[in-house]
Amino acid sequence: MSSESVEFEHAVRQSMRLQGTARFDAATRALAIVDNGEYLDGFDSTFTVNRRRDLREKATDTRYDAAVTAYSLGHLESAANYARDVLADDPYRESTWRLSMKVAAAMGHDDRVINAFRRCQDKLAELQTSPAQSTRRLLDQLRR
């Protein structure tokens, strides 16, 4: 007997062993498994709540990996979509804001580069911090 959560985790481990298009395709298949619905929906024991959190974090990490891989393959729409999904789950993930800036620049959307930086700045301000120097340098590089 196998559960979708175990199948998802196995698929993620498999995807991490691959590169390029094969990695992107495997990550996409893994995410399709977890996107079928919440783990043990309707049950709210401590175990199930913690397991949902762990699966959500793993799914977010996998979406980030899919976004990075898509970007490296030149699949800019997919990269933008996955990055957007990551930021919906974890708006404080600065690496994803940087990726969003790169994707916007690659798509020729200079205004979106600045918008992504500003949104990153706003989100990090909620934590009484500001974007890292690497994020500021990236903004300067992309605006040249």
Protein backbone atom coordinates (compact mmCIF):
# COMPACT_ATOMS: atom_id res chain seq x y z
CA MET A 1 0.00 0.00 0.00
CA SER A 2 1.32 3.42 -0.91
CA SER A 3 0.11 6.88 -0.07
CA GLU A 4 0.27 9.92 -2.31
CA SER A 5 2.54 11.68 0.21
CA VAL A 6 5.09 8.85 0.06
CA GLU A 7 4.78 8.76 -3.73
CA PHE A 8 5.39 12.53 -3.83
CA GLU A 9 8.49 12.30 -1.64
CA HIS A 10 9.86 9.48 -3.76
CA ALA A 11 9.21 11.44 -6.96
CA VAL A 12 11.00 14.49 -5.50
CA ARG A 13 14.04 12.40 -4.57
CA GLN A 14 14.09 10.99 -8.08
CA SER A 15 13.84 14.45 -9.66
CA MET A 16 16.82 15.70 -7.66
CA ARG A 17 19.02 13.07 -9.30
CA LEU A 18 18.26 14.38 -12.77
CA GLN A 19 19.29 17.41 -14.78
CA GLY A 20 17.81 19.69 -17.39
CA THR A 21 14.53 18.80 -19.02
CA ALA A 22 14.34 15.44 -17.26
CA ARG A 23 14.62 17.18 -13.88
CA PHE A 24 11.99 19.76 -14.76
CA ASP A 25 9.58 17.10 -16.05
CA ALA A 26 10.11 14.92 -12.96
CA ALA A 27 9.54 17.86 -10.61
CA THR A 28 6.37 18.77 -12.50
CA ARG A 29 5.10 15.19 -12.15
CA ALA A 30 5.94 15.18 -8.43
CA LEU A 31 4.05 18.42 -7.90
CA ALA A 32 1.02 17.05 -9.73
CA ILE A 33 0.85 14.35 -7.04
CA VAL A 34 0.89 16.75 -4.10
CA ASP A 35 -1.45 19.21 -5.80
CA ASN A 36 -4.24 16.61 -5.70
CA GLY A 37 -5.28 17.86 -2.27
CA GLU A 38 -4.26 18.17 1.35
CA TYR A 39 -2.79 15.28 3.25
CA LEU A 40 -5.58 13.55 5.21
CA ASP A 41 -7.97 16.40 4.59
CA GLY A 42 -10.49 16.64 7.41
CA PHE A 43 -8.16 15.27 10.09
CA ASP A 44 -6.42 17.73 12.38
CA SER A 45 -4.31 15.69 14.77
CA THR A 46 -0.89 17.04 15.69
CA PHE A 47 0.70 14.44 13.43
CA THR A 48 -1.40 15.33 10.37
CA VAL A 49 -0.93 19.08 10.86
CA ASN A 50 2.85 18.62 11.12
CA ARG A 51 2.90 16.26 8.15
CA ARG A 52 0.93 18.75 6.04
CA ARG A 53 3.40 21.46 6.97
CA ASP A 54 6.36 19.25 6.02
CA LEU A 55 4.77 18.30 2.70
CA ARG A 56 3.90 21.93 1.96
CA GLU A 57 7.53 22.95 2.62
CA LYS A 58 8.83 20.14 0.42
CA ALA A 59 6.39 21.15 -2.32
CA THR A 60 7.54 24.78 -2.06
CA ASP A 61 11.18 23.68 -2.32
CA THR A 62 10.30 21.53 -5.33
CA ARG A 63 8.47 24.43 -6.98
CA TYR A 64 11.55 26.59 -6.46
CA ASP A 65 13.74 23.92 -8.02
CA ALA A 66 11.32 23.64 -10.95
CA ALA A 67 11.43 27.43 -11.39
CA VAL A 68 15.24 27.49 -11.38
CA THR A 69 15.40 24.58 -13.79
CA ALA A 70 12.80 26.12 -16.09
CA TYR A 71 14.75 29.38 -16.10
CA SER A 72 17.97 27.56 -17.00
CA LEU A 73 16.14 25.82 -19.87
CA GLY A 74 14.70 29.10 -21.14
CA HIS A 75 11.13 28.14 -20.21
CA LEU A 76 10.45 31.60 -18.88
CA GLU A 77 6.67 31.38 -18.49
CA SER A 78 7.01 28.18 -16.45
CA ALA A 79 9.78 29.75 -14.38
CA ALA A 80 7.63 32.82 -13.71
CA ASN A 81 4.61 30.70 -12.77
CA TYR A 82 6.52 28.44 -10.40
CA ALA A 83 8.29 31.41 -8.80
CA ARG A 84 4.90 33.10 -8.28
CA ASP A 85 3.62 29.94 -6.58
CA VAL A 86 6.67 29.76 -4.33
CA LEU A 87 6.21 33.37 -3.25
CA ALA A 88 2.53 32.75 -2.54
CA ASP A 89 3.62 30.04 -0.08
CA ASP A 90 6.74 31.77 1.22
CA PRO A 91 6.83 35.51 0.49
CA TYR A 92 10.05 35.96 2.49
CA ARG A 93 12.16 33.66 0.29
CA GLU A 94 14.58 36.20 -1.10
CA SER A 95 16.20 33.77 -3.53
CA THR A 96 12.86 33.46 -5.28
CA TRP A 97 12.50 37.23 -5.52
CA ARG A 98 15.92 37.31 -7.20
CA LEU A 99 14.82 34.58 -9.59
CA SER A 100 11.64 36.53 -10.35
CA MET A 101 13.75 39.55 -11.17
CA LYS A 102 15.95 37.51 -13.52
CA VAL A 103 12.94 35.97 -15.25
CA ALA A 104 11.31 39.37 -15.71
CA ALA A 105 14.52 40.74 -17.21
CA ALA A 106 14.88 37.75 -19.54
CA MET A 107 11.31 38.34 -20.70
CA GLY A 108 12.12 42.00 -21.36
CA HIS A 109 9.86 43.31 -18.60
CA ASP A 110 12.06 45.98 -17.01
CA ASP A 111 9.19 47.38 -14.94
CA ARG A 112 8.53 43.92 -13.48
CA VAL A 113 12.17 43.70 -12.37
CA ILE A 114 11.72 46.84 -10.30
CA ASN A 115 8.29 45.71 -9.12
CA ALA A 116 9.71 42.37 -7.93
CA PHE A 117 12.48 44.17 -6.06
CA ARG A 118 9.99 46.53 -4.40
CA ARG A 119 7.71 43.67 -3.38
CA CYS A 120 10.72 41.82 -1.96
CA GLN A 121 11.69 44.96 -0.06
CA ASP A 122 8.14 45.34 1.30
CA LYS A 123 7.90 41.71 2.41
CA LEU A 124 11.28 41.75 4.13
CA ALA A 125 10.37 45.05 5.84
CA GLU A 126 7.59 43.11 7.58
CA LEU A 127 10.44 41.23 9.30
CA GLN A 128 12.31 44.48 10.06
CA THR A 129 15.01 43.64 7.53
CA SER A 130 15.91 44.60 3.98
CA PRO A 131 17.07 42.84 0.84
CA ALA A 132 20.56 41.38 0.89
CA GLN A 133 23.36 43.14 -0.91
CA SER A 134 23.28 40.40 -3.57
CA THR A 135 19.65 41.30 -4.33
CA ARG A 136 20.51 45.00 -4.61
CA ARG A 137 23.47 44.21 -6.89
CA LEU A 138 21.22 42.07 -9.06
CA LEU A 139 18.77 44.95 -9.44
CA ASP A 140 21.62 47.22 -10.53
CA GLN A 141 22.91 44.61 -13.01
CA LEU A 142 19.51 43.97 -14.53
CA ARG A 143 18.76 47.66 -14.97
CA ARG A 144 21.91 48.30 -17.04
